[in-house]
Amino acid sequence: DEKLYGQGHERPAFGYCPICFLAIPIPTQDHSVFYSCCMKSVCDGCSLAVLQQGYGADCPFCRTPEAENDDEVLGMIQKRVAARDPIAIRRLGDFHLTGECGLEKNTTRAFELWTE
């Protein structure tokens, strides 16, 4: 990371943990946990620290209990979409593309969301 960003490239704002503010190593999806409740990626270190402190699987950022099923995940994402959260809109588009969370595959709807 240091070599790459030492060449004048800037790291995107979403590549940092919202708790410890340290850069999440690239690829970020291998070194962090994504929480649908607040649309935050928390580094593995902070996620582990929360588990060790006895908070269970609650979100370390907003303390929302972990979703129990796909309907709850989809509800959390749709709530953030209603608040015009761009990460939630992108994530909902991804779900429409792949058919995750019980949604029917719908490429047209995925592109509509991504281009809003």
PDB file of N, CA and C in Angstrom:
ATOM      1  N   ASP A   1       0.816  -1.195   0.000  1.00  0.00           N
ATOM      2  CA  ASP A   1       0.000   0.000   0.000  1.00  0.00           C
ATOM      3  C   ASP A   1       0.860   1.260   0.000  1.00  0.00           C
ATOM      4  N   GLU A   2       1.900   1.268   0.845  1.00  0.00           N
ATOM      5  CA  GLU A   2       2.741   2.463   0.940  1.00  0.00           C
ATOM      6  C   GLU A   2       3.419   2.765  -0.384  1.00  0.00           C
ATOM      7  N   LYS A   3       3.902   1.722  -1.078  1.00  0.00           N
ATOM      8  CA  LYS A   3       4.566   1.932  -2.368  1.00  0.00           C
ATOM      9  C   LYS A   3       3.582   2.506  -3.385  1.00  0.00           C
ATOM     10  N   LEU A   4       2.370   1.926  -3.425  1.00  0.00           N
ATOM     11  CA  LEU A   4       1.356   2.383  -4.371  1.00  0.00           C
ATOM     12  C   LEU A   4       0.971   3.832  -4.116  1.00  0.00           C
ATOM     13  N   TYR A   5       0.680   4.166  -2.877  1.00  0.00           N
ATOM     14  CA  TYR A   5       0.212   5.522  -2.577  1.00  0.00           C
ATOM     15  C   TYR A   5       1.354   6.523  -2.471  1.00  0.00           C
ATOM     16  N   GLY A   6       2.576   6.034  -2.408  1.00  0.00           N
ATOM     17  CA  GLY A   6       3.733   6.920  -2.436  1.00  0.00           C
ATOM     18  C   GLY A   6       4.011   7.436  -3.831  1.00  0.00           C
ATOM     19  N   GLN A   7       3.323   6.895  -4.830  1.00  0.00           N
ATOM     20  CA  GLN A   7       3.505   7.308  -6.217  1.00  0.00           C
ATOM     21  C   GLN A   7       2.503   8.376  -6.640  1.00  0.00           C
ATOM     22  N   GLY A   8       1.824   8.975  -5.682  1.00  0.00           N
ATOM     23  CA  GLY A   8       0.897  10.051  -6.004  1.00  0.00           C
ATOM     24  C   GLY A   8      -0.551   9.610  -6.107  1.00  0.00           C
ATOM     25  N   HIS A   9      -0.822   8.331  -5.949  1.00  0.00           N
ATOM     26  CA  HIS A   9      -2.203   7.855  -5.988  1.00  0.00           C
ATOM     27  C   HIS A   9      -2.832   8.050  -4.618  1.00  0.00           C
ATOM     28  N   GLU A  10      -4.089   8.430  -4.614  1.00  0.00           N
ATOM     29  CA  GLU A  10      -4.783   8.611  -3.339  1.00  0.00           C
ATOM     30  C   GLU A  10      -5.674   7.426  -3.062  1.00  0.00           C
ATOM     31  N   ARG A  11      -5.744   7.063  -1.806  1.00  0.00           N
ATOM     32  CA  ARG A  11      -6.597   5.957  -1.386  1.00  0.00           C
ATOM     33  C   ARG A  11      -8.032   6.475  -1.281  1.00  0.00           C
ATOM     34  N   PRO A  12      -9.030   5.689  -1.752  1.00  0.00           N
ATOM     35  CA  PRO A  12     -10.420   6.144  -1.650  1.00  0.00           C
ATOM     36  C   PRO A  12     -10.855   6.277  -0.194  1.00  0.00           C
ATOM     37  N   ALA A  13     -11.784   7.171   0.071  1.00  0.00           N
ATOM     38  CA  ALA A  13     -12.241   7.445   1.438  1.00  0.00           C
ATOM     39  C   ALA A  13     -12.867   6.226   2.090  1.00  0.00           C
ATOM     40  N   PHE A  14     -13.466   5.321   1.295  1.00  0.00           N
ATOM     41  CA  PHE A  14     -14.125   4.169   1.876  1.00  0.00           C
ATOM     42  C   PHE A  14     -13.151   3.052   2.244  1.00  0.00           C
ATOM     43  N   GLY A  15     -11.860   3.264   2.068  1.00  0.00           N
ATOM     44  CA  GLY A  15     -10.866   2.247   2.377  1.00  0.00           C
ATOM     45  C   GLY A  15     -10.332   2.331   3.787  1.00  0.00           C
ATOM     46  N   TYR A  16     -11.002   3.062   4.671  1.00  0.00           N
ATOM     47  CA  TYR A  16     -10.558   3.230   6.049  1.00  0.00           C
ATOM     48  C   TYR A  16     -11.611   2.691   7.005  1.00  0.00           C
ATOM     49  N   CYS A  17     -11.155   2.113   8.100  1.00  0.00           N
ATOM     50  CA  CYS A  17     -12.071   1.619   9.120  1.00  0.00           C
ATOM     51  C   CYS A  17     -12.704   2.810   9.837  1.00  0.00           C
ATOM     52  N   PRO A  18     -14.031   2.832  10.006  1.00  0.00           N
ATOM     53  CA  PRO A  18     -14.690   3.965  10.665  1.00  0.00           C
ATOM     54  C   PRO A  18     -14.491   3.982  12.186  1.00  0.00           C
ATOM     55  N   ILE A  19     -13.874   2.946  12.734  1.00  0.00           N
ATOM     56  CA  ILE A  19     -13.663   2.894  14.177  1.00  0.00           C
ATOM     57  C   ILE A  19     -12.240   3.307  14.544  1.00  0.00           C
ATOM     58  N   CYS A  20     -11.243   2.640  13.949  1.00  0.00           N
ATOM     59  CA  CYS A  20      -9.843   2.949  14.298  1.00  0.00           C
ATOM     60  C   CYS A  20      -9.199   3.923  13.314  1.00  0.00           C
ATOM     61  N   PHE A  21      -9.857   4.197  12.205  1.00  0.00           N
ATOM     62  CA  PHE A  21      -9.400   5.124  11.167  1.00  0.00           C
ATOM     63  C   PHE A  21      -8.109   4.689  10.475  1.00  0.00           C
ATOM     64  N   LEU A  22      -7.760   3.413  10.583  1.00  0.00           N
ATOM     65  CA  LEU A  22      -6.603   2.884   9.867  1.00  0.00           C
ATOM     66  C   LEU A  22      -7.047   2.397   8.496  1.00  0.00           C
ATOM     67  N   ALA A  23      -6.104   2.428   7.551  1.00  0.00           N
ATOM     68  CA  ALA A  23      -6.403   1.947   6.209  1.00  0.00           C
ATOM     69  C   ALA A  23      -6.638   0.441   6.246  1.00  0.00           C
ATOM     70  N   ILE A  24      -7.666  -0.004   5.556  1.00  0.00           N
ATOM     71  CA  ILE A  24      -7.945  -1.429   5.441  1.00  0.00           C
ATOM     72  C   ILE A  24      -7.117  -1.938   4.259  1.00  0.00           C
ATOM     73  N   PRO A  25      -6.292  -2.969   4.477  1.00  0.00           N
ATOM     74  CA  PRO A  25      -5.448  -3.471   3.383  1.00  0.00           C
ATOM     75  C   PRO A  25      -6.265  -3.890   2.165  1.00  0.00           C
ATOM     76  N   ILE A  26      -5.668  -3.729   1.014  1.00  0.00           N
ATOM     77  CA  ILE A  26      -6.308  -4.077  -0.249  1.00  0.00           C
ATOM     78  C   ILE A  26      -6.039  -5.548  -0.526  1.00  0.00           C
ATOM     79  N   PRO A  27      -6.968  -6.351  -0.972  1.00  0.00           N
ATOM     80  CA  PRO A  27      -8.369  -6.039  -1.238  1.00  0.00           C
ATOM     81  C   PRO A  27      -9.159  -5.950   0.059  1.00  0.00           C
ATOM     82  N   THR A  28      -9.887  -4.885   0.208  1.00  0.00           N
ATOM     83  CA  THR A  28     -10.575  -4.595   1.470  1.00  0.00           C
ATOM     84  C   THR A  28     -11.574  -5.673   1.867  1.00  0.00           C
ATOM     85  N   GLN A  29     -12.202  -6.336   0.885  1.00  0.00           N
ATOM     86  CA  GLN A  29     -13.197  -7.355   1.235  1.00  0.00           C
ATOM     87  C   GLN A  29     -12.558  -8.566   1.919  1.00  0.00           C
ATOM     88  N   ASP A  30     -11.250  -8.746   1.786  1.00  0.00           N
ATOM     89  CA  ASP A  30     -10.561  -9.849   2.457  1.00  0.00           C
ATOM     90  C   ASP A  30     -10.103  -9.483   3.862  1.00  0.00           C
ATOM     91  N   HIS A  31     -10.153  -8.201   4.214  1.00  0.00           N
ATOM     92  CA  HIS A  31      -9.616  -7.738   5.493  1.00  0.00           C
ATOM     93  C   HIS A  31     -10.623  -6.940   6.311  1.00  0.00           C
ATOM     94  N   SER A  32     -11.894  -7.065   5.966  1.00  0.00           N
ATOM     95  CA  SER A  32     -12.928  -6.314   6.686  1.00  0.00           C
ATOM     96  C   SER A  32     -14.254  -7.052   6.627  1.00  0.00           C
ATOM     97  N   VAL A  33     -15.182  -6.605   7.450  1.00  0.00           N
ATOM     98  CA  VAL A  33     -16.536  -7.143   7.477  1.00  0.00           C
ATOM     99  C   VAL A  33     -17.487  -6.010   7.100  1.00  0.00           C
ATOM    100  N   PHE A  34     -18.389  -6.283   6.150  1.00  0.00           N
ATOM    101  CA  PHE A  34     -19.360  -5.273   5.724  1.00  0.00           C
ATOM    102  C   PHE A  34     -20.636  -5.456   6.527  1.00  0.00           C
ATOM    103  N   TYR A  35     -21.158  -4.361   7.081  1.00  0.00           N
ATOM    104  CA  TYR A  35     -22.387  -4.392   7.878  1.00  0.00           C
ATOM    105  C   TYR A  35     -23.495  -3.658   7.127  1.00  0.00           C
ATOM    106  N   SER A  36     -24.582  -4.374   6.833  1.00  0.00           N
ATOM    107  CA  SER A  36     -25.690  -3.812   6.056  1.00  0.00           C
ATOM    108  C   SER A  36     -26.491  -2.771   6.818  1.00  0.00           C
ATOM    109  N   CYS A  37     -26.431  -2.794   8.141  1.00  0.00           N
ATOM    110  CA  CYS A  37     -27.234  -1.867   8.944  1.00  0.00           C
ATOM    111  C   CYS A  37     -26.811  -0.413   8.720  1.00  0.00           C
ATOM    112  N   CYS A  38     -25.513  -0.170   8.617  1.00  0.00           N
ATOM    113  CA  CYS A  38     -25.013   1.202   8.478  1.00  0.00           C
ATOM    114  C   CYS A  38     -24.143   1.381   7.238  1.00  0.00           C
ATOM    115  N   MET A  39     -24.034   0.330   6.449  1.00  0.00           N
ATOM    116  CA  MET A  39     -23.253   0.342   5.209  1.00  0.00           C
ATOM    117  C   MET A  39     -21.773   0.659   5.451  1.00  0.00           C
ATOM    118  N   LYS A  40     -21.228   0.127   6.525  1.00  0.00           N
ATOM    119  CA  LYS A  40     -19.825   0.365   6.877  1.00  0.00           C
ATOM    120  C   LYS A  40     -19.024  -0.926   6.756  1.00  0.00           C
ATOM    121  N   SER A  41     -17.787  -0.798   6.296  1.00  0.00           N
ATOM    122  CA  SER A  41     -16.829  -1.896   6.324  1.00  0.00           C
ATOM    123  C   SER A  41     -15.901  -1.632   7.494  1.00  0.00           C
ATOM    124  N   VAL A  42     -15.869  -2.566   8.444  1.00  0.00           N
ATOM    125  CA  VAL A  42     -15.060  -2.439   9.649  1.00  0.00           C
ATOM    126  C   VAL A  42     -13.904  -3.417   9.530  1.00  0.00           C
ATOM    127  N   CYS A  43     -12.694  -2.974   9.852  1.00  0.00           N
ATOM    128  CA  CYS A  43     -11.521  -3.835   9.714  1.00  0.00           C
ATOM    129  C   CYS A  43     -11.659  -5.067  10.607  1.00  0.00           C
ATOM    130  N   ASP A  44     -10.968  -6.131  10.222  1.00  0.00           N
ATOM    131  CA  ASP A  44     -11.039  -7.386  10.971  1.00  0.00           C
ATOM    132  C   ASP A  44     -10.580  -7.208  12.413  1.00  0.00           C
ATOM    133  N   GLY A  45      -9.610  -6.327  12.653  1.00  0.00           N
ATOM    134  CA  GLY A  45      -9.123  -6.093  14.007  1.00  0.00           C
ATOM    135  C   GLY A  45     -10.192  -5.515  14.914  1.00  0.00           C
ATOM    136  N   CYS A  46     -10.922  -4.529  14.444  1.00  0.00           N
ATOM    137  CA  CYS A  46     -11.998  -3.933  15.246  1.00  0.00           C
ATOM    138  C   CYS A  46     -13.152  -4.905  15.421  1.00  0.00           C
ATOM    139  N   SER A  47     -13.459  -5.671  14.375  1.00  0.00           N
ATOM    140  CA  SER A  47     -14.529  -6.671  14.480  1.00  0.00           C
ATOM    141  C   SER A  47     -14.169  -7.722  15.526  1.00  0.00           C
ATOM    142  N   LEU A  48     -12.923  -8.170  15.525  1.00  0.00           N
ATOM    143  CA  LEU A  48     -12.472  -9.157  16.497  1.00  0.00           C
ATOM    144  C   LEU A  48     -12.485  -8.590  17.910  1.00  0.00           C
ATOM    145  N   ALA A  49     -12.056  -7.343  18.053  1.00  0.00           N
ATOM    146  CA  ALA A  49     -12.039  -6.706  19.380  1.00  0.00           C
ATOM    147  C   ALA A  49     -13.448  -6.635  19.969  1.00  0.00           C
ATOM    148  N   VAL A  50     -14.426  -6.335  19.155  1.00  0.00           N
ATOM    149  CA  VAL A  50     -15.809  -6.258  19.622  1.00  0.00           C
ATOM    150  C   VAL A  50     -16.298  -7.638  20.063  1.00  0.00           C
ATOM    151  N   LEU A  51     -15.962  -8.667  19.285  1.00  0.00           N
ATOM    152  CA  LEU A  51     -16.345 -10.030  19.666  1.00  0.00           C
ATOM    153  C   LEU A  51     -15.704 -10.423  20.995  1.00  0.00           C
ATOM    154  N   GLN A  52     -14.423 -10.089  21.166  1.00  0.00           N
ATOM    155  CA  GLN A  52     -13.709 -10.442  22.391  1.00  0.00           C
ATOM    156  C   GLN A  52     -14.226  -9.687  23.606  1.00  0.00           C
ATOM    157  N   GLN A  53     -14.819  -8.534  23.386  1.00  0.00           N
ATOM    158  CA  GLN A  53     -15.374  -7.753  24.494  1.00  0.00           C
ATOM    159  C   GLN A  53     -16.773  -8.223  24.872  1.00  0.00           C
ATOM    160  N   GLY A  54     -17.294  -9.213  24.144  1.00  0.00           N
ATOM    161  CA  GLY A  54     -18.570  -9.809  24.511  1.00  0.00           C
ATOM    162  C   GLY A  54     -19.799  -9.179  23.884  1.00  0.00           C
ATOM    163  N   TYR A  55     -19.611  -8.393  22.831  1.00  0.00           N
ATOM    164  CA  TYR A  55     -20.770  -7.770  22.185  1.00  0.00           C
ATOM    165  C   TYR A  55     -21.418  -8.680  21.158  1.00  0.00           C
ATOM    166  N   GLY A  56     -20.874  -9.852  20.958  1.00  0.00           N
ATOM    167  CA  GLY A  56     -21.442 -10.792  20.003  1.00  0.00           C
ATOM    168  C   GLY A  56     -21.297 -10.303  18.577  1.00  0.00           C
ATOM    169  N   ALA A  57     -22.294 -10.595  17.764  1.00  0.00           N
ATOM    170  CA  ALA A  57     -22.235 -10.248  16.343  1.00  0.00           C
ATOM    171  C   ALA A  57     -22.895  -8.902  16.046  1.00  0.00           C
ATOM    172  N   ASP A  58     -23.160  -8.105  17.068  1.00  0.00           N
ATOM    173  CA  ASP A  58     -23.722  -6.769  16.831  1.00  0.00           C
ATOM    174  C   ASP A  58     -22.731  -5.940  16.017  1.00  0.00           C
ATOM    175  N   CYS A  59     -23.254  -4.995  15.261  1.00  0.00           N
ATOM    176  CA  CYS A  59     -22.403  -4.116  14.466  1.00  0.00           C
ATOM    177  C   CYS A  59     -21.501  -3.306  15.388  1.00  0.00           C
ATOM    178  N   PRO A  60     -20.188  -3.334  15.164  1.00  0.00           N
ATOM    179  CA  PRO A  60     -19.290  -2.581  16.037  1.00  0.00           C
ATOM    180  C   PRO A  60     -19.408  -1.062  15.855  1.00  0.00           C
ATOM    181  N   PHE A  61     -19.990  -0.621  14.743  1.00  0.00           N
ATOM    182  CA  PHE A  61     -20.097   0.819  14.499  1.00  0.00           C
ATOM    183  C   PHE A  61     -21.379   1.397  15.089  1.00  0.00           C
ATOM    184  N   CYS A  62     -22.525   0.773  14.786  1.00  0.00           N
ATOM    185  CA  CYS A  62     -23.806   1.349  15.230  1.00  0.00           C
ATOM    186  C   CYS A  62     -24.530   0.500  16.278  1.00  0.00           C
ATOM    187  N   ARG A  63     -23.955  -0.669  16.616  1.00  0.00           N
ATOM    188  CA  ARG A  63     -24.492  -1.573  17.647  1.00  0.00           C
ATOM    189  C   ARG A  63     -25.838  -2.209  17.282  1.00  0.00           C
ATOM    190  N   THR A  64     -26.203  -2.195  16.018  1.00  0.00           N
ATOM    191  CA  THR A  64     -27.425  -2.857  15.576  1.00  0.00           C
ATOM    192  C   THR A  64     -27.212  -4.365  15.641  1.00  0.00           C
ATOM    193  N   PRO A  65     -28.176  -5.111  16.166  1.00  0.00           N
ATOM    194  CA  PRO A  65     -28.037  -6.571  16.188  1.00  0.00           C
ATOM    195  C   PRO A  65     -27.918  -7.137  14.777  1.00  0.00           C
ATOM    196  N   GLU A  66     -27.192  -8.236  14.667  1.00  0.00           N
ATOM    197  CA  GLU A  66     -26.985  -8.879  13.370  1.00  0.00           C
ATOM    198  C   GLU A  66     -28.318  -9.325  12.776  1.00  0.00           C
ATOM    199  N   ALA A  67     -28.465  -9.179  11.473  1.00  0.00           N
ATOM    200  CA  ALA A  67     -29.684  -9.614  10.784  1.00  0.00           C
ATOM    201  C   ALA A  67     -29.789 -11.129  10.869  1.00  0.00           C
ATOM    202  N   GLU A  68     -30.993 -11.614  11.105  1.00  0.00           N
ATOM    203  CA  GLU A  68     -31.196 -13.051  11.274  1.00  0.00           C
ATOM    204  C   GLU A  68     -31.500 -13.765   9.957  1.00  0.00           C
ATOM    205  N   ASN A  69     -31.959 -13.002   8.942  1.00  0.00           N
ATOM    206  CA  ASN A  69     -32.300 -13.635   7.666  1.00  0.00           C
ATOM    207  C   ASN A  69     -32.179 -12.610   6.535  1.00  0.00           C
ATOM    208  N   ASP A  70     -32.367 -13.088   5.314  1.00  0.00           N
ATOM    209  CA  ASP A  70     -32.239 -12.219   4.138  1.00  0.00           C
ATOM    210  C   ASP A  70     -33.254 -11.086   4.132  1.00  0.00           C
ATOM    211  N   ASP A  71     -34.452 -11.329   4.662  1.00  0.00           N
ATOM    212  CA  ASP A  71     -35.471 -10.280   4.698  1.00  0.00           C
ATOM    213  C   ASP A  71     -35.026  -9.108   5.559  1.00  0.00           C
ATOM    214  N   GLU A  72     -34.391  -9.401   6.679  1.00  0.00           N
ATOM    215  CA  GLU A  72     -33.893  -8.329   7.553  1.00  0.00           C
ATOM    216  C   GLU A  72     -32.758  -7.562   6.887  1.00  0.00           C
ATOM    217  N   VAL A  73     -31.853  -8.282   6.213  1.00  0.00           N
ATOM    218  CA  VAL A  73     -30.754  -7.620   5.485  1.00  0.00           C
ATOM    219  C   VAL A  73     -31.331  -6.696   4.425  1.00  0.00           C
ATOM    220  N   LEU A  74     -32.278  -7.209   3.649  1.00  0.00           N
ATOM    221  CA  LEU A  74     -32.899  -6.408   2.592  1.00  0.00           C
ATOM    222  C   LEU A  74     -33.623  -5.196   3.174  1.00  0.00           C
ATOM    223  N   GLY A  75     -34.291  -5.373   4.309  1.00  0.00           N
ATOM    224  CA  GLY A  75     -34.965  -4.255   4.967  1.00  0.00           C
ATOM    225  C   GLY A  75     -33.981  -3.170   5.404  1.00  0.00           C
ATOM    226  N   MET A  76     -32.847  -3.587   5.949  1.00  0.00           N
ATOM    227  CA  MET A  76     -31.816  -2.622   6.366  1.00  0.00           C
ATOM    228  C   MET A  76     -31.290  -1.837   5.172  1.00  0.00           C
ATOM    229  N   ILE A  77     -31.043  -2.552   4.079  1.00  0.00           N
ATOM    230  CA  ILE A  77     -30.522  -1.889   2.877  1.00  0.00           C
ATOM    231  C   ILE A  77     -31.565  -0.944   2.296  1.00  0.00           C
ATOM    232  N   GLN A  78     -32.818  -1.374   2.231  1.00  0.00           N
ATOM    233  CA  GLN A  78     -33.869  -0.514   1.676  1.00  0.00           C
ATOM    234  C   GLN A  78     -34.081   0.732   2.533  1.00  0.00           C
ATOM    235  N   LYS A  79     -33.899   0.600   3.839  1.00  0.00           N
ATOM    236  CA  LYS A  79     -33.999   1.770   4.714  1.00  0.00           C
ATOM    237  C   LYS A  79     -32.901   2.778   4.374  1.00  0.00           C
ATOM    238  N   ARG A  80     -31.688   2.294   4.118  1.00  0.00           N
ATOM    239  CA  ARG A  80     -30.585   3.186   3.754  1.00  0.00           C
ATOM    240  C   ARG A  80     -30.778   3.755   2.340  1.00  0.00           C
ATOM    241  N   VAL A  81     -31.377   2.970   1.449  1.00  0.00           N
ATOM    242  CA  VAL A  81     -31.667   3.466   0.094  1.00  0.00           C
ATOM    243  C   VAL A  81     -32.662   4.615   0.179  1.00  0.00           C
ATOM    244  N   ALA A  82     -33.660   4.481   1.049  1.00  0.00           N
ATOM    245  CA  ALA A  82     -34.655   5.552   1.232  1.00  0.00           C
ATOM    246  C   ALA A  82     -33.996   6.831   1.739  1.00  0.00           C
ATOM    247  N   ALA A  83     -32.880   6.686   2.459  1.00  0.00           N
ATOM    248  CA  ALA A  83     -32.136   7.846   2.959  1.00  0.00           C
ATOM    249  C   ALA A  83     -31.126   8.343   1.921  1.00  0.00           C
ATOM    250  N   ARG A  84     -31.161   7.753   0.716  1.00  0.00           N
ATOM    251  CA  ARG A  84     -30.308   8.146  -0.415  1.00  0.00           C
ATOM    252  C   ARG A  84     -28.820   7.866  -0.159  1.00  0.00           C
ATOM    253  N   ASP A  85     -28.532   6.800   0.549  1.00  0.00           N
ATOM    254  CA  ASP A  85     -27.155   6.376   0.819  1.00  0.00           C
ATOM    255  C   ASP A  85     -26.593   5.725  -0.447  1.00  0.00           C
ATOM    256  N   PRO A  86     -25.548   6.310  -1.055  1.00  0.00           N
ATOM    257  CA  PRO A  86     -25.038   5.776  -2.326  1.00  0.00           C
ATOM    258  C   PRO A  86     -24.475   4.357  -2.210  1.00  0.00           C
ATOM    259  N   ILE A  87     -23.910   4.009  -1.082  1.00  0.00           N
ATOM    260  CA  ILE A  87     -23.379   2.652  -0.912  1.00  0.00           C
ATOM    261  C   ILE A  87     -24.528   1.653  -0.873  1.00  0.00           C
ATOM    262  N   ALA A  88     -25.623   2.016  -0.203  1.00  0.00           N
ATOM    263  CA  ALA A  88     -26.791   1.137  -0.141  1.00  0.00           C
ATOM    264  C   ALA A  88     -27.424   0.976  -1.524  1.00  0.00           C
ATOM    265  N   ILE A  89     -27.468   2.050  -2.283  1.00  0.00           N
ATOM    266  CA  ILE A  89     -28.040   1.990  -3.631  1.00  0.00           C
ATOM    267  C   ILE A  89     -27.207   1.053  -4.499  1.00  0.00           C
ATOM    268  N   ARG A  90     -25.885   1.178  -4.403  1.00  0.00           N
ATOM    269  CA  ARG A  90     -25.015   0.291  -5.172  1.00  0.00           C
ATOM    270  C   ARG A  90     -25.194  -1.160  -4.735  1.00  0.00           C
ATOM    271  N   ARG A  91     -25.269  -1.379  -3.435  1.00  0.00           N
ATOM    272  CA  ARG A  91     -25.425  -2.740  -2.894  1.00  0.00           C
ATOM    273  C   ARG A  91     -26.757  -3.357  -3.336  1.00  0.00           C
ATOM    274  N   LEU A  92     -27.829  -2.573  -3.315  1.00  0.00           N
ATOM    275  CA  LEU A  92     -29.125  -3.074  -3.771  1.00  0.00           C
ATOM    276  C   LEU A  92     -29.061  -3.422  -5.254  1.00  0.00           C
ATOM    277  N   GLY A  93     -28.356  -2.616  -6.038  1.00  0.00           N
ATOM    278  CA  GLY A  93     -28.156  -2.932  -7.459  1.00  0.00           C
ATOM    279  C   GLY A  93     -27.404  -4.241  -7.628  1.00  0.00           C
ATOM    280  N   ASP A  94     -26.387  -4.454  -6.795  1.00  0.00           N
ATOM    281  CA  ASP A  94     -25.639  -5.719  -6.834  1.00  0.00           C
ATOM    282  C   ASP A  94     -26.561  -6.897  -6.548  1.00  0.00           C
ATOM    283  N   PHE A  95     -27.436  -6.739  -5.566  1.00  0.00           N
ATOM    284  CA  PHE A  95     -28.361  -7.810  -5.204  1.00  0.00           C
ATOM    285  C   PHE A  95     -29.338  -8.103  -6.337  1.00  0.00           C
ATOM    286  N   HIS A  96     -29.793  -7.061  -7.046  1.00  0.00           N
ATOM    287  CA  HIS A  96     -30.686  -7.274  -8.184  1.00  0.00           C
ATOM    288  C   HIS A  96     -29.944  -8.003  -9.306  1.00  0.00           C
ATOM    289  N   LEU A  97     -28.678  -7.695  -9.485  1.00  0.00           N
ATOM    290  CA  LEU A  97     -27.899  -8.338 -10.543  1.00  0.00           C
ATOM    291  C   LEU A  97     -27.685  -9.821 -10.255  1.00  0.00           C
ATOM    292  N   THR A  98     -27.386 -10.155  -9.005  1.00  0.00           N
ATOM    293  CA  THR A  98     -27.044 -11.534  -8.652  1.00  0.00           C
ATOM    294  C   THR A  98     -28.211 -12.359  -8.134  1.00  0.00           C
ATOM    295  N   GLY A  99     -29.316 -11.695  -7.767  1.00  0.00           N
ATOM    296  CA  GLY A  99     -30.466 -12.406  -7.220  1.00  0.00           C
ATOM    297  C   GLY A  99     -30.303 -12.772  -5.752  1.00  0.00           C
ATOM    298  N   GLU A 100     -29.460 -12.039  -5.028  1.00  0.00           N
ATOM    299  CA  GLU A 100     -29.257 -12.310  -3.602  1.00  0.00           C
ATOM    300  C   GLU A 100     -30.434 -11.799  -2.771  1.00  0.00           C
ATOM    301  N   CYS A 101     -30.503 -12.259  -1.539  1.00  0.00           N
ATOM    302  CA  CYS A 101     -31.518 -11.836  -0.553  1.00  0.00           C
ATOM    303  C   CYS A 101     -32.941 -12.065  -1.037  1.00  0.00           C
ATOM    304  N   GLY A 102     -33.135 -13.093  -1.846  1.00  0.00           N
ATOM    305  CA  GLY A 102     -34.480 -13.421  -2.295  1.00  0.00           C
ATOM    306  C   GLY A 102     -35.004 -12.553  -3.428  1.00  0.00           C
ATOM    307  N   LEU A 103     -34.188 -11.637  -3.936  1.00  0.00           N
ATOM    308  CA  LEU A 103     -34.624 -10.803  -5.059  1.00  0.00           C
ATOM    309  C   LEU A 103     -34.492 -11.585  -6.361  1.00  0.00           C
ATOM    310  N   GLU A 104     -35.399 -11.338  -7.271  1.00  0.00           N
ATOM    311  CA  GLU A 104     -35.307 -11.952  -8.586  1.00  0.00           C
ATOM    312  C   GLU A 104     -34.206 -11.245  -9.378  1.00  0.00           C
ATOM    313  N   LYS A 105     -33.445 -12.001 -10.152  1.00  0.00           N
ATOM    314  CA  LYS A 105     -32.399 -11.381 -10.979  1.00  0.00           C
ATOM    315  C   LYS A 105     -33.049 -10.398 -11.943  1.00  0.00           C
ATOM    316  N   ASN A 106     -32.547  -9.163 -11.944  1.00  0.00           N
ATOM    317  CA  ASN A 106     -33.138  -8.123 -12.778  1.00  0.00           C
ATOM    318  C   ASN A 106     -32.030  -7.141 -13.153  1.00  0.00           C
ATOM    319  N   THR A 107     -31.398  -7.406 -14.277  1.00  0.00           N
ATOM    320  CA  THR A 107     -30.280  -6.584 -14.735  1.00  0.00           C
ATOM    321  C   THR A 107     -30.708  -5.152 -15.008  1.00  0.00           C
ATOM    322  N   THR A 108     -31.893  -4.981 -15.565  1.00  0.00           N
ATOM    323  CA  THR A 108     -32.394  -3.634 -15.874  1.00  0.00           C
ATOM    324  C   THR A 108     -32.503  -2.803 -14.596  1.00  0.00           C
ATOM    325  N   ARG A 109     -33.091  -3.389 -13.555  1.00  0.00           N
ATOM    326  CA  ARG A 109     -33.242  -2.665 -12.285  1.00  0.00           C
ATOM    327  C   ARG A 109     -31.881  -2.376 -11.669  1.00  0.00           C
ATOM    328  N   ALA A 110     -30.939  -3.316 -11.797  1.00  0.00           N
ATOM    329  CA  ALA A 110     -29.585  -3.099 -11.257  1.00  0.00           C
ATOM    330  C   ALA A 110     -28.951  -1.882 -11.928  1.00  0.00           C
ATOM    331  N   PHE A 111     -29.043  -1.778 -13.244  1.00  0.00           N
ATOM    332  CA  PHE A 111     -28.462  -0.631 -13.949  1.00  0.00           C
ATOM    333  C   PHE A 111     -29.175   0.663 -13.617  1.00  0.00           C
ATOM    334  N   GLU A 112     -30.492   0.612 -13.397  1.00  0.00           N
ATOM    335  CA  GLU A 112     -31.237   1.812 -12.996  1.00  0.00           C
ATOM    336  C   GLU A 112     -30.705   2.337 -11.652  1.00  0.00           C
ATOM    337  N   LEU A 113     -30.483   1.420 -10.723  1.00  0.00           N
ATOM    338  CA  LEU A 113     -29.976   1.831  -9.402  1.00  0.00           C
ATOM    339  C   LEU A 113     -28.558   2.378  -9.514  1.00  0.00           C
ATOM    340  N   TRP A 114     -27.714   1.711 -10.276  1.00  0.00           N
ATOM    341  CA  TRP A 114     -26.321   2.151 -10.384  1.00  0.00           C
ATOM    342  C   TRP A 114     -26.166   3.494 -11.068  1.00  0.00           C
ATOM    343  N   THR A 115     -27.125   3.866 -11.912  1.00  0.00           N
ATOM    344  CA  THR A 115     -26.995   5.121 -12.655  1.00  0.00           C
ATOM    345  C   THR A 115     -27.815   6.258 -12.048  1.00  0.00           C
ATOM    346  N   GLU A 116     -28.452   6.031 -10.890  1.00  0.00           N
ATOM    347  CA  GLU A 116     -29.224   7.098 -10.237  1.00  0.00           C
ATOM    348  C   GLU A 116     -28.323   8.238  -9.840  1.00  0.00           C
TER     349      GLU A 116
END
